[in-house]
């Protein structure tokens, strides 16, 4: 069986605009979601790392999900991030998202004390059992500092409702070999996708099922065009579209994608929200570079 359509193609991850107290600006969020709905994205990745889920209270996360479900109105599936330090809290966030109308869940093993492979397995098993929604493994060692072993991914893929994995960029960008190994250890309908926007073209051309995209949350149309070109087997068109993003990729790697995408949001006058403290906005001296990088993307 092919992977679920829910976990294929472009999954666009929007920011979650909020004020200094962490109260979500639901109007601004719905504006961003409307741009995604109006593209060829296959899903919305709500409250991922780009959506600063760990900086929001349970109540504000629920408000964000409710606003998203209301605004999207079933036109695209919504995958909701539910990571939390405690297993019981993550399970409750899963139930909140399900009750508000989410279509799927995204779980990262957030921790303070470093976790073992077995601890993460038990964490996922408990949270996955909290609802009937399909769940995607969020493998993001740059933020969680946890590295999923491939044996752990295999074990998790055997759990009911665990249907996909969101992988970081592999060492030396060796997508083909990593995808082949993961496919040999998981069921045919288990979806393998990648984050790390500057590696998306290579990942998709190597056969990845999905691109979980920061830039797709703000520029969904060109991001969807990149996915379409790559998954239709057109490397020349893929390279051309990827090159249009190159200045933005360079800024992401230099300053962090979150700071840069907030600056782009503000430059487009879609919101004047700032990153949650203690994260500081991008230095104003870098704004002309961001403006130049997005100039060819803003019209989409």
Protein backbone atom coordinates (compact mmCIF):
# COMPACT_ATOMS: atom_id res chain seq x y z
CA UNK A 1 0.00 0.00 0.00
CA UNK A 2 1.18 3.57 -0.66
CA UNK A 3 1.66 5.94 2.29
CA UNK A 4 -1.37 7.83 3.54
CA UNK A 5 -1.97 10.99 1.43
CA UNK A 6 -2.04 12.81 4.76
CA UNK A 7 1.71 12.29 5.13
CA UNK A 8 2.75 12.91 1.51
CA UNK A 9 3.62 15.95 -0.58
CA UNK A 10 4.01 19.39 0.96
CA UNK A 11 3.15 19.77 4.63
CA UNK A 12 3.27 23.52 5.26
CA UNK A 13 4.27 24.66 8.75
CA UNK A 14 3.04 28.18 9.58
CA UNK A 15 4.20 30.41 12.37
CA UNK A 16 1.80 30.90 15.28
CA UNK A 17 1.63 34.70 15.67
CA UNK A 18 1.22 35.64 19.33
CA UNK A 19 1.70 38.66 21.60
CA UNK A 20 4.38 39.08 24.25
CA UNK A 21 2.24 37.22 26.79
CA UNK A 22 1.91 34.21 24.48
CA UNK A 23 -1.71 34.83 23.47
CA UNK A 24 -2.25 33.57 19.93
CA UNK A 25 -3.40 36.08 17.31
CA UNK A 26 -6.01 33.83 15.74
CA UNK A 27 -6.87 36.31 12.98
CA UNK A 28 -3.25 36.45 11.81
CA UNK A 29 -2.99 32.67 12.07
CA UNK A 30 -6.07 32.21 9.91
CA UNK A 31 -4.61 34.61 7.34
CA UNK A 32 -1.51 32.41 7.06
CA UNK A 33 -3.64 29.27 6.85
CA UNK A 34 -5.76 30.76 4.07
CA UNK A 35 -2.59 31.20 1.98
CA UNK A 36 -1.77 27.52 2.49
CA UNK A 37 -5.29 26.37 1.63
CA UNK A 38 -5.03 28.39 -1.58
CA UNK A 39 -1.96 26.41 -2.67
CA UNK A 40 -1.25 22.82 -3.65
CA UNK A 41 -0.07 21.86 -0.17
CA UNK A 42 -1.26 18.45 0.98
CA UNK A 43 -1.46 19.27 4.70
CA UNK A 44 -0.90 21.91 7.36
CA UNK A 45 1.67 21.26 10.09
CA UNK A 46 0.22 23.29 12.95
CA UNK A 47 2.21 23.88 16.14
CA UNK A 48 5.47 22.41 14.93
CA UNK A 49 8.80 23.96 15.84
CA UNK A 50 8.07 26.79 13.39
CA UNK A 51 4.77 27.18 15.21
CA UNK A 52 6.66 27.53 18.54
CA UNK A 53 4.49 24.94 20.27
CA UNK A 54 6.77 24.64 23.30
CA UNK A 55 6.40 28.36 24.04
CA UNK A 56 2.60 28.20 24.25
CA UNK A 57 0.35 27.15 27.12
CA UNK A 58 -2.07 24.28 26.75
CA UNK A 59 -4.95 26.76 26.53
CA UNK A 60 -3.28 28.74 23.75
CA UNK A 61 -2.39 25.61 21.82
CA UNK A 62 -6.05 24.62 21.94
CA UNK A 63 -7.11 28.10 20.78
CA UNK A 64 -4.72 27.77 17.84
CA UNK A 65 -6.12 24.36 16.87
CA UNK A 66 -9.71 25.56 17.17
CA UNK A 67 -8.97 28.64 15.05
CA UNK A 68 -7.21 26.51 12.46
CA UNK A 69 -10.03 23.99 12.23
CA UNK A 70 -12.55 26.81 11.92
CA UNK A 71 -10.58 28.66 9.24
CA UNK A 72 -9.53 25.67 7.17
CA UNK A 73 -13.00 24.15 7.35
CA UNK A 74 -11.92 20.71 6.19
CA UNK A 75 -10.24 21.90 2.99
CA UNK A 76 -6.84 20.52 4.06
CA UNK A 77 -5.88 18.05 6.78
CA UNK A 78 -4.32 19.57 9.88
CA UNK A 79 -1.45 17.78 11.63
CA UNK A 80 -1.00 19.14 15.16
CA UNK A 81 2.21 19.13 17.20
CA UNK A 82 1.64 17.79 20.72
CA UNK A 83 5.13 17.59 22.22
CA UNK A 84 5.45 18.12 25.98
CA UNK A 85 7.89 17.26 28.74
CA UNK A 86 5.54 14.86 30.50
CA UNK A 87 3.83 11.88 28.89
CA UNK A 88 0.52 12.63 30.55
CA UNK A 89 0.63 16.21 29.26
CA UNK A 90 1.38 15.07 25.71
CA UNK A 91 -1.50 12.61 25.90
CA UNK A 92 -3.83 15.37 27.07
CA UNK A 93 -2.65 17.64 24.25
CA UNK A 94 -3.42 14.80 21.86
CA UNK A 95 -6.94 14.53 23.24
CA UNK A 96 -7.37 18.32 23.04
CA UNK A 97 -6.32 18.32 19.37
CA UNK A 98 -8.56 15.39 18.53
CA UNK A 99 -11.51 16.96 20.30
CA UNK A 100 -10.99 20.23 18.41
CA UNK A 101 -11.07 18.46 15.05
CA UNK A 102 -7.41 17.82 14.14
CA UNK A 103 -6.75 15.17 11.50
CA UNK A 104 -3.41 13.84 12.75
CA UNK A 105 -0.72 14.35 15.38
CA UNK A 106 3.00 15.10 15.37
CA UNK A 107 4.97 14.04 18.44
CA UNK A 108 8.51 15.04 19.41
CA UNK A 109 10.23 13.54 22.47
CA UNK A 110 10.74 16.81 24.31
CA UNK A 111 12.91 16.37 27.39
CA UNK A 112 15.12 17.98 30.03
CA UNK A 113 16.70 14.80 31.34
CA UNK A 114 18.17 12.91 28.34
CA UNK A 115 15.88 10.06 27.33
CA UNK A 116 16.73 6.48 26.44
CA UNK A 117 15.42 4.68 23.36
CA UNK A 118 13.10 2.58 25.55
CA UNK A 119 11.74 5.64 27.36
CA UNK A 120 10.85 7.27 24.06
CA UNK A 121 9.17 4.08 22.86
CA UNK A 122 6.98 3.96 25.97
CA UNK A 123 6.24 7.69 25.65
CA UNK A 124 5.04 7.27 22.06
CA UNK A 125 3.08 4.11 22.83
CA UNK A 126 1.14 5.88 25.58
CA UNK A 127 0.46 9.05 23.61
CA UNK A 128 -0.48 7.20 20.40
CA UNK A 129 -3.05 5.22 22.38
CA UNK A 130 -4.69 8.39 23.74
CA UNK A 131 -6.68 9.03 20.54
CA UNK A 132 -7.67 7.34 17.29
CA UNK A 133 -5.73 9.85 15.17
CA UNK A 134 -2.75 8.83 13.01
CA UNK A 135 0.55 10.00 14.43
CA UNK A 136 3.83 11.10 12.84
CA UNK A 137 7.17 10.67 14.63
CA UNK A 138 8.90 14.04 14.94
CA UNK A 139 12.63 13.33 14.70
CA UNK A 140 14.21 16.72 15.38
CA UNK A 141 17.50 16.28 17.27
CA UNK A 142 18.53 19.92 16.79
CA UNK A 143 15.76 20.98 19.21
CA UNK A 144 15.08 17.88 21.31
CA UNK A 145 18.69 16.62 21.51
CA UNK A 146 17.34 13.10 21.13
CA UNK A 147 18.55 10.88 18.29
CA UNK A 148 16.17 8.18 17.07
CA UNK A 149 17.94 4.93 16.33
CA UNK A 150 16.60 3.15 13.28
CA UNK A 151 15.64 0.20 15.47
CA UNK A 152 13.48 2.56 17.52
CA UNK A 153 11.81 3.92 14.37
CA UNK A 154 11.10 0.32 13.33
CA UNK A 155 9.55 -0.46 16.73
CA UNK A 156 7.45 2.71 16.70
CA UNK A 157 6.28 2.06 13.15
CA UNK A 158 4.81 -1.20 14.45
CA UNK A 159 2.52 0.61 16.87
CA UNK A 160 -1.12 1.16 15.92
CA UNK A 161 -1.65 4.69 14.54
CA UNK A 162 2.06 5.52 14.11
CA UNK A 163 2.02 6.08 10.35
CA UNK A 164 4.96 8.33 9.42
CA UNK A 165 8.26 9.88 10.38
CA UNK A 166 9.55 13.40 9.87
CA UNK A 167 13.32 13.04 9.52
CA UNK A 168 16.14 15.60 9.81
CA UNK A 169 18.68 15.96 7.01
CA UNK A 170 21.07 12.99 7.02
CA UNK A 171 24.82 13.23 7.19
CA UNK A 172 26.36 14.07 3.82
CA UNK A 173 22.79 14.37 2.48
CA UNK A 174 22.73 10.61 1.83
CA UNK A 175 18.97 10.44 1.33
CA UNK A 176 18.76 7.43 -0.97
CA UNK A 177 20.61 5.08 1.35
CA UNK A 178 18.77 6.29 4.46
CA UNK A 179 15.36 6.01 2.79
CA UNK A 180 16.22 2.52 1.55
CA UNK A 181 17.22 1.42 5.05
CA UNK A 182 14.08 2.85 6.63
CA UNK A 183 11.84 1.31 3.99
CA UNK A 184 13.43 -2.08 4.58
CA UNK A 185 12.51 -1.82 8.28
CA UNK A 186 8.96 -0.46 8.01
CA UNK A 187 5.68 -1.33 6.33
CA UNK A 188 4.95 -0.28 2.76
CA UNK A 189 2.39 2.28 3.89
CA UNK A 190 4.72 3.95 6.42
CA UNK A 191 5.55 7.44 5.11
CA UNK A 192 9.07 8.87 5.22
CA UNK A 193 9.40 12.64 4.99
CA UNK A 194 12.06 15.26 5.70
CA UNK A 195 12.43 18.71 7.21
CA UNK A 196 15.48 20.96 6.73
CA UNK A 197 14.25 23.11 3.86
CA UNK A 198 17.55 23.47 2.02
CA UNK A 199 17.68 19.69 1.59
CA UNK A 200 14.11 19.29 0.40
CA UNK A 201 14.84 19.07 -3.33
CA UNK A 202 17.41 16.32 -2.86
CA UNK A 203 15.18 14.43 -0.43
CA UNK A 204 12.18 14.47 -2.74
CA UNK A 205 14.21 13.48 -5.79
CA UNK A 206 15.57 10.57 -3.76
CA UNK A 207 12.04 9.32 -3.12
CA UNK A 208 10.92 10.94 0.13
CA UNK A 209 7.15 10.91 0.56
CA UNK A 210 6.83 14.36 2.12
CA UNK A 211 8.49 17.70 2.77
CA UNK A 212 7.66 19.20 6.18
CA UNK A 213 8.43 22.79 5.32
CA UNK A 214 9.14 26.00 7.19
CA UNK A 215 9.03 28.08 4.03
CA UNK A 216 5.83 26.36 2.95
CA UNK A 217 4.05 28.02 5.85
CA UNK A 218 4.68 31.47 4.36
CA UNK A 219 5.30 30.78 0.66
CA UNK A 220 3.21 27.68 0.00
CA UNK A 221 2.78 28.06 -3.75
CA UNK A 222 6.46 27.98 -4.79
CA UNK A 223 7.08 25.32 -2.15
CA UNK A 224 4.28 23.19 -3.61
CA UNK A 225 5.71 23.75 -7.09
CA UNK A 226 9.06 22.38 -5.92
CA UNK A 227 7.38 19.25 -4.55
CA UNK A 228 5.37 18.76 -7.72
CA UNK A 229 8.47 19.06 -9.92
CA UNK A 230 10.51 16.67 -7.79
CA UNK A 231 7.83 14.04 -7.34
CA UNK A 232 7.01 14.09 -11.05
CA UNK A 233 10.67 13.26 -11.74
CA UNK A 234 11.80 16.58 -13.26
CA UNK A 235 15.24 17.36 -11.79
CA UNK A 236 15.80 20.40 -14.02
CA UNK A 237 12.59 22.11 -12.90
CA UNK A 238 13.26 21.08 -9.31
CA UNK A 239 16.72 22.64 -9.41
CA UNK A 240 15.36 25.83 -10.95
CA UNK A 241 12.73 26.28 -8.24
CA UNK A 242 15.18 25.31 -5.50
CA UNK A 243 17.59 27.95 -6.77
CA UNK A 244 14.92 30.63 -6.32
CA UNK A 245 14.93 29.72 -2.62
CA UNK A 246 18.74 29.64 -2.32
CA UNK A 247 19.17 33.11 -0.73
CA UNK A 248 16.58 32.18 1.88
CA UNK A 249 18.25 28.83 2.55
CA UNK A 250 21.53 30.67 3.17
CA UNK A 251 19.83 32.98 5.68
CA UNK A 252 18.17 30.03 7.40
CA UNK A 253 21.53 28.37 7.90
CA UNK A 254 23.20 31.58 9.06
CA UNK A 255 20.56 32.85 11.49
CA UNK A 256 18.08 30.02 12.12
CA UNK A 257 14.92 29.54 10.09
CA UNK A 258 12.63 30.76 12.89
CA UNK A 259 14.19 34.22 13.17
CA UNK A 260 14.31 34.62 9.40
CA UNK A 261 10.74 33.50 8.77
CA UNK A 262 9.44 35.90 11.45
CA UNK A 263 11.33 38.72 9.71
CA UNK A 264 9.77 37.69 6.39
CA UNK A 265 6.32 37.60 7.98
CA UNK A 266 6.77 41.16 9.20
CA UNK A 267 8.16 42.39 5.89
CA UNK A 268 5.08 41.01 4.13
CA UNK A 269 2.88 42.88 6.65
CA UNK A 270 1.00 39.71 7.48
CA UNK A 271 1.67 40.24 11.18
CA UNK A 272 4.08 42.20 13.34
CA UNK A 273 4.45 39.36 15.82
CA UNK A 274 7.92 38.69 17.19
CA UNK A 275 9.48 35.36 18.18
CA UNK A 276 8.69 34.31 21.75
CA UNK A 277 11.31 35.46 24.24
CA UNK A 278 14.05 34.66 24.97
CA UNK A 279 14.41 34.33 21.16
CA UNK A 280 15.23 37.77 19.80
CA UNK A 281 14.10 39.06 16.40
CA UNK A 282 16.60 39.09 13.58
CA UNK A 283 18.90 42.11 13.75
CA UNK A 284 17.59 44.98 11.65
CA UNK A 285 20.85 45.10 9.72
CA UNK A 286 19.92 41.73 8.19
CA UNK A 287 16.44 42.78 7.03
CA UNK A 288 17.55 44.01 3.58
CA UNK A 289 18.96 40.53 2.90
CA UNK A 290 15.67 38.94 3.89
CA UNK A 291 13.73 41.41 1.77
CA UNK A 292 15.91 40.60 -1.24
CA UNK A 293 15.63 36.84 -0.60
CA UNK A 294 11.85 36.87 -0.57
CA UNK A 295 11.35 39.40 -3.37
CA UNK A 296 10.92 36.70 -5.99
CA UNK A 297 8.72 34.58 -3.74
CA UNK A 298 6.28 37.12 -2.35
CA UNK A 299 4.19 37.24 -5.52
CA UNK A 300 4.15 33.42 -5.60
